Protein backbone atom coordinates (compact mmCIF):
# COMPACT_ATOMS: atom_id res chain seq x y z
CA ASN A 1 23.93 14.34 -8.40
CA ASN A 2 24.52 16.15 -4.71
CA PHE A 3 22.05 13.46 -3.02
CA TYR A 4 23.56 10.53 -4.72
CA GLU A 5 27.17 11.63 -4.27
CA CYS A 6 26.16 11.60 -0.21
CA PHE A 7 24.23 8.61 -0.53
CA GLN A 8 27.73 6.87 -1.55
CA LYS A 9 29.05 7.87 1.92
CA LYS A 10 28.49 4.55 4.03
CA GLU A 11 27.49 6.79 7.16
CA SER A 12 24.61 7.56 4.75
CA GLU A 13 23.44 4.28 5.70
CA GLN A 14 21.47 5.19 8.76
CA PHE A 15 19.00 7.51 6.28
CA PHE A 16 17.77 4.23 4.43
CA SER A 17 17.88 2.59 7.27
CA LYS A 18 15.08 4.75 9.01
CA ILE A 19 13.30 5.01 6.03
CA PHE A 20 12.89 0.81 5.47
CA SER A 21 11.94 0.68 9.57
CA GLN A 22 9.51 3.76 8.93
CA LEU A 23 7.75 1.70 5.95
CA ASN A 24 7.52 -1.63 7.70
CA ASP A 25 5.98 -0.13 11.21
CA PHE A 26 3.55 1.15 9.03
CA LYS A 27 3.23 -1.61 7.34
CA SER A 28 2.69 -4.17 10.26
CA GLN A 29 0.24 -1.68 11.54
CA ILE A 30 -2.06 -2.23 8.41
CA ARG A 31 -1.87 -6.02 8.57
CA SER A 32 -2.16 -6.26 11.84
CA ASN A 33 -5.20 -4.52 11.85
CA ILE A 34 -6.77 -6.62 8.96
CA SER A 35 -5.59 -9.78 10.75
CA GLU A 36 -8.07 -8.52 14.45
CA MET A 37 -10.64 -8.35 11.71
CA GLY A 38 -10.90 -12.16 11.76
CA SER A 39 -10.53 -14.43 9.20
CA GLU A 40 -14.45 -15.79 9.79
CA SER A 41 -15.52 -12.43 9.29
CA SER A 42 -13.42 -12.01 6.08
CA PHE A 43 -15.24 -15.54 4.70
CA ASN A 44 -18.49 -14.00 5.97
CA LEU A 45 -18.05 -10.79 4.20
CA LEU A 46 -17.23 -12.73 1.09
CA LYS A 47 -20.48 -14.87 1.14
CA ALA A 48 -22.29 -11.36 1.46
CA ILE A 49 -20.94 -9.76 -1.83
CA GLU A 50 -21.83 -12.91 -3.72
CA SER A 51 -25.18 -12.79 -2.84
CA HIS A 52 -25.97 -9.43 -2.69
CA SER A 53 -25.73 -6.42 -5.23
CA ILE A 54 -22.89 -3.96 -4.60
CA THR A 55 -25.56 -0.97 -3.91
CA GLU A 56 -27.44 -3.77 -1.06
CA VAL A 57 -23.67 -4.68 0.34
CA LYS A 58 -22.83 -0.50 0.99
CA THR A 59 -26.37 -0.10 2.52
CA LEU A 60 -26.13 -3.14 5.20
CA PRO A 61 -26.72 -2.06 8.92
CA LYS A 62 -23.40 -1.72 10.45
CA GLY A 63 -22.73 -4.23 13.33
CA ASP A 64 -19.83 -4.77 16.02
CA SER A 65 -18.95 -8.42 14.32
CA ILE A 66 -20.20 -10.38 11.71
CA ASP A 67 -21.43 -14.12 11.93
CA GLU A 68 -24.53 -15.99 10.64
CA SER A 69 -27.01 -14.31 13.09
CA THR A 70 -25.96 -10.38 12.25
CA PRO A 71 -26.43 -8.58 9.08
CA TYR A 72 -23.46 -8.34 6.62
CA GLN A 73 -21.73 -5.21 6.62
CA SER A 74 -19.00 -3.83 4.42
CA ILE A 75 -15.48 -3.62 4.67
CA GLN A 76 -15.51 0.04 4.70
CA SER A 77 -17.78 -0.28 7.23
CA MET A 78 -15.79 -2.47 9.38
CA TYR A 79 -12.62 -0.30 9.07
CA GLU A 80 -14.59 2.68 10.21
CA ASN A 81 -15.79 0.67 13.32
CA GLN A 82 -12.37 -1.17 14.26
CA ALA A 83 -9.57 0.03 12.36
CA PRO A 84 -7.74 2.84 14.40
CA GLN A 85 -7.17 6.36 13.12
CA SER A 86 -3.92 6.42 13.45
CA ILE A 87 -2.96 4.20 10.87
CA TYR A 88 -4.08 6.54 8.50
CA SER A 89 -2.66 9.43 9.56
CA SER A 90 0.21 9.14 7.29
CA ILE A 91 0.90 12.84 6.54
CA ASN A 92 4.77 12.41 7.20
CA LEU A 93 5.10 8.73 4.95
CA SER A 94 3.46 10.80 2.40
CA LYS A 95 6.04 13.45 2.55
CA THR A 96 8.86 10.47 2.65
CA PHE A 97 7.14 8.65 -0.44
CA LEU A 98 7.08 12.78 -2.12
CA PHE A 99 11.03 13.01 -1.38
CA LEU A 100 11.93 9.31 -2.86
CA GLN A 101 9.92 10.42 -6.02
CA LEU A 102 11.62 13.86 -6.28
CA LEU A 103 14.80 12.25 -5.77
CA CYS A 104 13.73 9.86 -9.05
CA GLU A 105 12.37 13.32 -11.76
CA ASN A 106 13.72 13.85 -14.91
CA HIS A 107 14.65 10.09 -14.88
CA ASN A 108 17.48 9.96 -12.48
CA ARG A 109 18.75 6.86 -13.12
CA ASN A 110 21.50 6.71 -10.93
CA LEU A 111 19.00 7.36 -8.15
CA GLN A 112 16.35 5.18 -9.57
CA ASN A 113 18.99 2.25 -9.25
CA PHE A 114 20.09 3.17 -5.89
CA LEU A 115 17.55 3.53 -4.28
CA ARG A 116 16.48 -0.24 -5.20
CA VAL A 117 20.32 -1.79 -4.25
CA GLN A 118 22.99 -0.28 -2.12
CA ASN A 119 25.99 -2.26 -2.71
CA ILE A 120 28.58 -0.35 -0.66
CA TYR A 121 26.15 -0.53 2.64
CA LYS A 122 26.28 -3.39 5.12
CA ASN A 123 22.67 -4.08 4.49
CA ASN A 124 20.94 -3.83 1.51
CA TYR A 125 17.16 -1.52 1.62
CA ASN A 126 14.62 -2.13 -1.31
CA LEU A 127 12.64 0.97 -1.07
CA VAL A 128 11.19 -0.16 -4.34
CA LEU A 129 9.77 -2.92 -3.60
CA GLU A 130 8.74 -1.58 -0.10
CA THR A 131 6.78 1.24 -1.73
CA LEU A 132 5.12 -0.92 -3.70
CA SER A 133 4.44 -3.28 -0.64
CA ILE A 134 2.38 -0.60 1.25
CA LEU A 135 0.48 0.01 -1.59
CA ASP A 136 -0.22 -4.15 -1.33
CA ALA A 137 -1.15 -4.03 2.11
CA ILE A 138 -3.31 -0.55 1.96
CA CYS A 139 -5.09 -2.39 -0.70
CA GLY A 140 -5.94 -5.72 1.10
CA GLY A 141 -3.39 -7.59 -0.39
CA ALA A 142 -2.97 -9.05 3.27
CA THR A 143 -6.08 -10.54 2.75
CA GLY A 144 -5.68 -12.23 -0.38
CA GLY A 145 -8.84 -11.21 -1.70
CA LEU A 146 -7.82 -7.81 -4.48
CA GLY A 147 -11.70 -8.20 -5.56
CA LEU A 148 -12.07 -6.68 -2.71
CA ILE A 149 -10.13 -3.70 -3.04
CA GLY A 150 -12.98 -1.10 -3.40
CA TYR A 151 -13.70 -1.67 0.14
CA PHE A 152 -10.13 -1.16 1.24
CA ILE A 153 -9.80 2.89 -0.54
CA ASP A 154 -11.47 5.55 1.29
CA GLU A 155 -10.88 9.05 1.97
CA ARG A 156 -8.29 8.36 5.11
CA ASN A 157 -5.72 6.43 2.59
CA ILE A 158 -6.58 7.69 -0.83
CA SER A 159 -3.89 10.52 -0.50
CA ILE A 160 -1.18 7.90 0.25
CA ILE A 161 -2.11 5.64 -2.07
CA LEU A 162 -2.01 8.21 -4.75
CA GLN A 163 1.30 9.22 -3.57
CA CYS A 164 2.33 5.59 -3.53
CA LEU A 165 1.40 5.45 -7.18
CA TYR A 166 3.56 8.64 -8.08
CA THR A 167 6.39 7.55 -6.87
CA LEU A 168 6.48 4.18 -8.28
CA ILE A 169 5.69 5.82 -11.60
CA GLU A 170 9.34 7.77 -10.71
CA PHE A 171 10.83 5.00 -9.94
CA CYS A 172 10.62 3.23 -13.27
CA GLN A 173 10.27 6.21 -15.63
CA GLY A 174 13.37 6.75 -18.29
CA PRO A 175 12.45 3.75 -18.40
CA CYS A 176 14.23 2.11 -15.60
CA HIS A 177 13.73 -1.79 -16.67
CA GLU A 178 15.44 -3.34 -13.35
CA ASN A 179 12.86 -1.42 -11.46
CA GLN A 180 9.85 -2.15 -13.39
CA ASN A 181 10.50 -5.49 -13.53
CA THR A 182 10.77 -5.12 -9.49
CA ILE A 183 7.31 -3.84 -9.25
CA ALA A 184 6.29 -6.30 -12.16
CA LEU A 185 7.61 -9.74 -10.84
CA ASN A 186 7.07 -9.94 -7.35
CA GLU A 187 5.38 -11.67 -4.57
CA PHE A 188 2.80 -8.22 -4.22
CA ASN A 189 1.75 -8.81 -7.67
CA GLY A 190 2.32 -4.64 -8.12
CA LEU A 191 0.58 -4.40 -12.15
CA ASN A 192 -2.48 -6.68 -10.55
CA VAL A 193 -3.04 -4.18 -7.98
CA VAL A 194 -2.94 -1.72 -10.27
CA ILE A 195 -5.16 -2.91 -12.85
CA SER A 196 -7.73 -4.14 -9.60
CA MET A 197 -7.75 -0.05 -8.42
CA ILE A 198 -8.43 0.59 -12.19
CA THR A 199 -11.21 -1.56 -12.86
CA SER A 200 -12.99 -1.85 -9.17
CA ASP A 201 -15.56 0.72 -8.57
CA ILE A 202 -14.18 3.16 -5.37
CA ASN A 203 -17.63 2.52 -3.03
CA PRO A 204 -16.47 5.01 -0.04
CA LEU A 205 -15.30 7.66 -2.44
CA ALA A 206 -18.58 7.42 -4.71
């Protein structure tokens, strides 16, 4: 309740704005990196997975790029070669999500709703939806290929993925129907992301 009372002050908007910007910057880094991998590479990778077993794809040689004249490589290998390590140096972001999680502990309905809607501020910062969008971006949602989710998850990002899930759970518990609807009924297909994580083999962690 002390946090809730503090957030009722208009000057607290700066705090929400800072968190919102931090999440958006991280998400933009991820999506930018995926875009740099190129649509042609992604298309060829899909063809490789369609024509090879998962084991074969995992053991294919690495290359700097993918085209018809070079062996196919897994998304994991592409990330190892091309993804900046700084993107996954996300300790501070994990702490941010942990803080949001703790705000909602014990079914704190006031804060659960306030993290989604702040009517008293000049701008609104939907941190529930932003948390889900981070999870979606990390798991390859920007490619439109959740079927490949197992290749986007590795030891560099598993900790922040788990923290996103813990935070989303606390947003919804109680139950908080408004937050549940926000997660289930949006462009990021939150339920599909979670289902794909459960049903997919996470090969880099095997």
